[in-house]
Each structure stands twice: as C-alpha cells, then as structure tokens.
Amino acid sequence: MKNIRMIAIALAVVIFALLGCAVAGLAAGDEPAAAPAPAAEAPVSPEVEAIRAESSLKSVKAIAAGAAVGLVAAIGAIGMALVISRTTDNMARQPEASSQINGAMMLGLVFIETVILYALIVAILIIFVL
C-alpha cells in the first residue's frame, strides 16, 4: 500500500511540475529573455508573430490537457485497484455478504470512472474552447 501511495505522489509531483513548466513557458513567451537578436534576421510581420504566438498557446494547451488527463487516469486506476483489492479481501472474509459487497464495489468503480470521464471532457474543452 505504501509503495502505491508513494508512486501516486511521485506521479502527481511530476505532472504538476510539467504543468508548471508549461504555464511558465506560456508566460515567458517564445523568446528567451537574455538572447540577443541576430543581426541578419529579416523583419517579421505582425501576422506571422500572431500565428507563432497562437501555435505556441495551442501546444501548451495540448500538453496541459494531456498531462491532466494522464494524471487523473493514473490516479483513477490506482483507486480502482485499491477498491478491487479491498473488495476481494472482504468477500474472502465474509462470503455470505459478497453480493452486497460486490454491488457497493461496482457503484464505487462507476463513480471513479465518472471522474476520469469528466477530466477527459474538461481537457477537450481546454483544447478546443479556450
């Protein structure tokens, strides 16, 4: 149990670090702060700059949405594994109550899966609406 919790915590930290880097990259823009401009570079029109900024924003949105869905799916899978593990333990201890335990397990798994689907819907909204 402790190993699964540690893995989930480490995964959450990595995903939040990736999201933080994506947000920091979005706030900083495409250009590095201390990089000098090349002398022989041709001037770029404002339309091209707007397209570059929009494509950068879309890529950051896609990375953030993918990371969010991945995090929720991983945590949901860990939660489902824990629910099934404990349910089978309880069914082995009390076989006479296995139908009630099984029904409660199925309801819990449905709720966990619903949260994962909501995260997927939010990620799709982030990509296409925002």
Protein backbone atom coordinates (compact mmCIF):
# COMPACT_ATOMS: atom_id res chain seq x y z
CA MET A 1 0.00 0.00 0.00
CA LYS A 2 2.77 2.43 0.88
CA ASN A 3 4.50 1.77 -2.44
CA ILE A 4 1.36 2.57 -4.41
CA ARG A 5 0.84 5.78 -2.46
CA MET A 6 4.44 6.83 -2.98
CA ILE A 7 4.18 6.14 -6.71
CA ALA A 8 0.95 8.15 -6.91
CA ILE A 9 2.53 11.06 -5.03
CA ALA A 10 5.63 10.98 -7.24
CA LEU A 11 3.48 10.88 -10.37
CA ALA A 12 1.40 13.82 -9.13
CA VAL A 13 4.56 15.83 -8.41
CA VAL A 14 5.95 15.13 -11.89
CA ILE A 15 2.69 16.07 -13.60
CA PHE A 16 2.35 19.28 -11.58
CA ALA A 17 5.97 20.15 -12.40
CA LEU A 18 5.24 19.65 -16.10
CA LEU A 19 2.14 21.81 -15.85
CA GLY A 20 4.13 24.47 -14.01
CA CYS A 21 6.78 24.45 -16.73
CA ALA A 22 4.10 24.72 -19.41
CA VAL A 23 2.48 27.69 -17.68
CA ALA A 24 5.86 29.34 -17.11
CA GLY A 25 6.71 28.84 -20.78
CA LEU A 26 3.40 30.38 -21.77
CA ALA A 27 4.00 33.38 -19.52
CA ALA A 28 7.55 33.87 -20.79
CA GLY A 29 6.64 33.65 -24.45
CA ASP A 30 8.66 32.12 -27.26
CA GLU A 31 11.76 34.28 -26.97
CA PRO A 32 14.40 33.79 -24.28
CA ALA A 33 14.87 36.80 -22.01
CA ALA A 34 18.65 37.29 -22.43
CA ALA A 35 19.15 36.09 -26.02
CA PRO A 36 20.49 38.77 -28.35
CA ALA A 37 18.70 39.23 -31.68
CA PRO A 38 20.66 38.04 -34.73
CA ALA A 39 21.93 40.85 -36.92
CA ALA A 40 20.95 39.35 -40.30
CA GLU A 41 17.37 38.40 -39.42
CA ALA A 42 14.67 39.68 -41.74
CA PRO A 43 11.80 41.64 -40.20
CA VAL A 44 8.73 39.59 -39.37
CA SER A 45 5.23 40.84 -40.00
CA PRO A 46 2.77 41.16 -37.10
CA GLU A 47 0.56 38.50 -38.68
CA VAL A 48 3.38 35.96 -38.56
CA GLU A 49 4.09 36.85 -34.94
CA ALA A 50 0.40 36.36 -34.07
CA ILE A 51 0.37 32.94 -35.76
CA ARG A 52 3.50 31.91 -33.86
CA ALA A 53 2.02 33.02 -30.55
CA GLU A 54 -1.26 31.20 -31.27
CA SER A 55 0.50 27.96 -32.20
CA SER A 56 2.60 28.18 -29.04
CA LEU A 57 -0.54 28.67 -26.97
CA LYS A 58 -2.21 25.66 -28.62
CA SER A 59 0.78 23.44 -27.91
CA VAL A 60 0.85 24.49 -24.26
CA LYS A 61 -2.89 23.78 -24.00
CA ALA A 62 -2.42 20.34 -25.54
CA ILE A 63 0.42 19.49 -23.17
CA ALA A 64 -1.51 20.70 -20.14
CA ALA A 65 -4.67 18.84 -21.16
CA GLY A 66 -2.76 15.64 -21.85
CA ALA A 67 -0.94 15.85 -18.54
CA ALA A 68 -4.18 16.48 -16.66
CA VAL A 69 -5.96 13.52 -18.26
CA GLY A 70 -2.92 11.33 -17.68
CA LEU A 71 -2.77 12.29 -14.02
CA VAL A 72 -6.47 11.72 -13.43
CA ALA A 73 -6.41 8.41 -15.30
CA ALA A 74 -3.39 7.17 -13.36
CA ILE A 75 -4.85 8.14 -10.01
CA GLY A 76 -8.21 6.66 -11.02
CA ALA A 77 -6.53 3.38 -11.99
CA ILE A 78 -4.74 3.25 -8.66
CA GLY A 79 -8.01 3.96 -6.87
CA MET A 80 -9.80 1.23 -8.81
CA ALA A 81 -7.05 -1.24 -8.00
CA LEU A 82 -7.32 -0.43 -4.30
CA VAL A 83 -11.11 -0.77 -4.36
CA ILE A 84 -10.99 -4.13 -6.10
CA SER A 85 -8.24 -5.38 -3.79
CA ARG A 86 -10.11 -4.49 -0.64
CA THR A 87 -13.38 -5.81 -2.03
CA THR A 88 -11.90 -9.22 -2.78
CA ASP A 89 -10.37 -9.31 0.70
CA ASN A 90 -13.74 -8.55 2.27
CA MET A 91 -15.50 -11.12 0.09
CA ALA A 92 -12.99 -13.74 1.21
CA ARG A 93 -13.64 -12.84 4.87
CA GLN A 94 -17.44 -12.72 4.56
CA PRO A 95 -18.66 -14.87 1.66
CA GLU A 96 -22.29 -14.54 2.77
CA ALA A 97 -22.22 -10.78 2.14
CA SER A 98 -20.43 -10.99 -1.20
CA SER A 99 -23.43 -9.83 -3.27
CA GLN A 100 -23.80 -6.66 -1.19
CA ILE A 101 -20.05 -6.02 -1.24
CA ASN A 102 -19.94 -6.59 -5.00
CA GLY A 103 -22.78 -4.10 -5.58
CA ALA A 104 -21.07 -1.44 -3.48
CA MET A 105 -17.80 -2.07 -5.33
CA MET A 106 -19.45 -1.62 -8.71
CA LEU A 107 -21.06 1.64 -7.61
CA GLY A 108 -17.70 2.93 -6.37
CA LEU A 109 -15.98 1.96 -9.62
CA VAL A 110 -18.65 3.79 -11.60
CA PHE A 111 -18.04 6.96 -9.57
CA ILE A 112 -14.28 6.72 -10.10
CA GLU A 113 -14.72 6.19 -13.84
CA THR A 114 -17.11 9.15 -13.99
CA VAL A 115 -14.44 11.44 -12.57
CA ILE A 116 -12.00 10.21 -15.22
CA LEU A 117 -14.51 10.90 -17.99
CA TYR A 118 -15.18 14.38 -16.59
CA ALA A 119 -11.44 15.07 -16.71
CA LEU A 120 -11.36 13.97 -20.34
CA ILE A 121 -14.27 16.28 -21.17
CA VAL A 122 -12.56 19.21 -19.42
CA ALA A 123 -9.34 18.51 -21.31
CA ILE A 124 -11.21 18.51 -24.63
CA LEU A 125 -12.85 21.80 -23.66
CA ILE A 126 -9.45 23.28 -22.77
CA ILE A 127 -8.04 22.34 -26.16
CA PHE A 128 -10.93 23.40 -28.37
CA VAL A 129 -12.75 26.18 -26.47
CA LEU A 130 -10.15 28.17 -24.55
